[in-house]
């Protein structure tokens, strides 16, 4: 299975977030972060996800 290449903007923003010491993992703040809802194999340490929606508002 060939992995998809991440968009350049995403790779750039990850580098900036790492440099600033921010959390780069999406699953902690995702609306779908529970066992029955998310079937992404990268969970719980995904840095990019097509189904990501911020929890809360």
N, C-alpha and C. Protein backbone atom coordinates (compact mmCIF):
# COMPACT_ATOMS: atom_id res chain seq x y z
N UNK A 1 0.85 -1.18 0.00
CA UNK A 1 0.00 0.00 0.00
C UNK A 1 0.89 1.24 0.00
N UNK A 2 0.70 2.11 -0.95
CA UNK A 2 1.50 3.31 -1.08
C UNK A 2 0.93 4.42 -0.20
N UNK A 3 1.80 5.04 0.60
CA UNK A 3 1.32 6.12 1.46
C UNK A 3 1.18 7.42 0.66
N UNK A 4 0.19 8.18 1.00
CA UNK A 4 -0.06 9.45 0.31
C UNK A 4 0.91 10.51 0.83
N UNK A 5 1.40 11.32 -0.07
CA UNK A 5 2.30 12.40 0.33
C UNK A 5 1.47 13.55 0.90
N UNK A 6 1.90 14.05 2.03
CA UNK A 6 1.18 15.15 2.68
C UNK A 6 1.38 16.45 1.92
N UNK A 7 0.39 17.32 1.94
CA UNK A 7 0.54 18.62 1.28
C UNK A 7 1.68 19.44 1.92
N UNK A 8 2.34 20.25 1.12
CA UNK A 8 3.48 21.02 1.62
C UNK A 8 3.09 21.96 2.76
N UNK A 9 1.87 22.51 2.70
CA UNK A 9 1.43 23.42 3.77
C UNK A 9 1.33 22.68 5.10
N UNK A 10 0.88 21.43 5.05
CA UNK A 10 0.77 20.65 6.27
C UNK A 10 2.15 20.33 6.84
N UNK A 11 3.08 19.93 5.99
CA UNK A 11 4.43 19.64 6.47
C UNK A 11 5.07 20.88 7.07
N UNK A 12 4.86 22.03 6.45
CA UNK A 12 5.41 23.29 6.95
C UNK A 12 4.80 23.65 8.31
N UNK A 13 3.47 23.51 8.43
CA UNK A 13 2.82 23.86 9.70
C UNK A 13 3.24 22.90 10.82
N UNK A 14 3.51 21.63 10.50
CA UNK A 14 4.01 20.70 11.52
C UNK A 14 5.36 21.14 12.05
N UNK A 15 6.23 21.57 11.15
CA UNK A 15 7.55 22.04 11.59
C UNK A 15 7.44 23.27 12.50
N UNK A 16 6.56 24.19 12.14
CA UNK A 16 6.37 25.39 12.96
C UNK A 16 5.81 25.02 14.34
N UNK A 17 4.79 24.16 14.36
CA UNK A 17 4.20 23.75 15.63
C UNK A 17 5.20 23.03 16.53
N UNK A 18 6.03 22.16 15.94
CA UNK A 18 7.06 21.46 16.72
C UNK A 18 8.05 22.46 17.30
N UNK A 19 8.45 23.43 16.49
CA UNK A 19 9.42 24.44 16.95
C UNK A 19 8.85 25.28 18.09
N UNK A 20 7.55 25.53 18.07
CA UNK A 20 6.92 26.33 19.12
C UNK A 20 6.54 25.49 20.34
N UNK A 21 6.69 24.17 20.23
CA UNK A 21 6.38 23.30 21.36
C UNK A 21 4.90 22.99 21.51
N UNK A 22 4.14 23.14 20.44
CA UNK A 22 2.70 22.88 20.50
C UNK A 22 2.42 21.40 20.22
N UNK A 23 1.20 20.98 20.58
CA UNK A 23 0.77 19.61 20.34
C UNK A 23 0.49 19.43 18.85
N UNK A 24 1.13 18.43 18.24
CA UNK A 24 0.96 18.21 16.80
C UNK A 24 -0.02 17.09 16.51
N UNK A 25 -0.48 16.38 17.53
CA UNK A 25 -1.39 15.26 17.32
C UNK A 25 -2.83 15.74 17.32
N UNK A 26 -3.56 15.37 16.29
CA UNK A 26 -4.94 15.84 16.11
C UNK A 26 -5.94 15.10 16.99
N UNK A 27 -5.68 13.86 17.28
CA UNK A 27 -6.68 13.01 17.94
C UNK A 27 -7.13 13.54 19.30
N UNK A 28 -6.25 14.26 20.00
CA UNK A 28 -6.62 14.79 21.31
C UNK A 28 -7.74 15.81 21.25
N UNK A 29 -7.85 16.51 20.13
CA UNK A 29 -8.87 17.56 20.02
C UNK A 29 -9.92 17.25 18.95
N UNK A 30 -10.00 15.99 18.53
CA UNK A 30 -10.91 15.62 17.45
C UNK A 30 -12.29 15.20 17.97
N UNK A 31 -13.29 15.57 17.21
CA UNK A 31 -14.68 15.22 17.52
C UNK A 31 -14.89 13.71 17.48
N UNK A 32 -14.14 13.00 16.64
CA UNK A 32 -14.31 11.57 16.44
C UNK A 32 -13.35 10.72 17.27
N UNK A 33 -12.77 11.27 18.33
CA UNK A 33 -11.78 10.55 19.12
C UNK A 33 -12.44 9.62 20.13
N UNK A 34 -13.07 8.60 19.65
CA UNK A 34 -13.56 7.50 20.49
C UNK A 34 -13.55 6.24 19.66
N UNK A 35 -13.42 5.12 20.32
CA UNK A 35 -13.11 3.84 19.69
C UNK A 35 -14.03 3.45 18.53
N UNK A 36 -15.33 3.60 18.66
CA UNK A 36 -16.25 3.15 17.63
C UNK A 36 -16.39 4.09 16.44
N UNK A 37 -15.90 5.31 16.55
CA UNK A 37 -16.10 6.30 15.50
C UNK A 37 -14.92 6.43 14.55
N UNK A 38 -13.72 6.30 15.06
CA UNK A 38 -12.53 6.53 14.24
C UNK A 38 -11.87 5.20 13.89
N UNK A 39 -11.69 4.97 12.60
CA UNK A 39 -11.05 3.74 12.14
C UNK A 39 -9.74 4.03 11.42
N UNK A 40 -9.20 5.21 11.64
CA UNK A 40 -7.93 5.58 11.02
C UNK A 40 -6.80 4.78 11.67
N UNK A 41 -5.97 4.11 10.88
CA UNK A 41 -4.89 3.31 11.47
C UNK A 41 -3.84 4.14 12.20
N UNK A 42 -3.77 5.43 11.94
CA UNK A 42 -2.78 6.29 12.61
C UNK A 42 -3.24 6.73 14.00
N UNK A 43 -4.49 6.50 14.34
CA UNK A 43 -5.03 6.89 15.63
C UNK A 43 -4.31 6.16 16.73
N UNK A 44 -3.95 6.76 17.83
CA UNK A 44 -4.25 8.08 18.38
C UNK A 44 -3.18 9.13 18.13
N UNK A 45 -2.24 8.86 17.23
CA UNK A 45 -1.14 9.80 17.01
C UNK A 45 -1.13 10.38 15.60
N UNK A 46 -2.29 10.63 15.04
CA UNK A 46 -2.38 11.17 13.69
C UNK A 46 -1.99 12.64 13.66
N UNK A 47 -1.21 13.01 12.66
CA UNK A 47 -0.86 14.41 12.47
C UNK A 47 -1.62 15.00 11.29
N UNK A 48 -2.25 14.13 10.49
CA UNK A 48 -3.08 14.56 9.37
C UNK A 48 -4.21 13.56 9.23
N UNK A 49 -5.42 14.05 9.03
CA UNK A 49 -6.57 13.17 8.90
C UNK A 49 -7.64 13.85 8.04
N UNK A 50 -8.17 13.16 7.04
CA UNK A 50 -9.19 13.78 6.20
C UNK A 50 -10.53 13.95 6.90
N UNK A 51 -10.76 13.21 7.99
CA UNK A 51 -12.03 13.28 8.71
C UNK A 51 -11.98 14.17 9.95
N UNK A 52 -10.87 14.87 10.16
CA UNK A 52 -10.70 15.66 11.39
C UNK A 52 -11.72 16.80 11.48
N UNK A 53 -12.37 16.89 12.64
CA UNK A 53 -13.24 18.01 12.98
C UNK A 53 -12.93 18.38 14.42
N UNK A 54 -12.73 19.66 14.67
CA UNK A 54 -12.39 20.11 16.01
C UNK A 54 -13.55 19.87 16.97
N UNK A 55 -13.22 19.35 18.15
CA UNK A 55 -14.23 19.09 19.18
C UNK A 55 -14.69 20.42 19.77
N UNK A 56 -15.94 20.45 20.19
CA UNK A 56 -16.48 21.66 20.79
C UNK A 56 -17.41 22.38 19.85
N UNK A 57 -17.13 23.62 19.61
CA UNK A 57 -17.97 24.46 18.77
C UNK A 57 -18.22 23.83 17.49
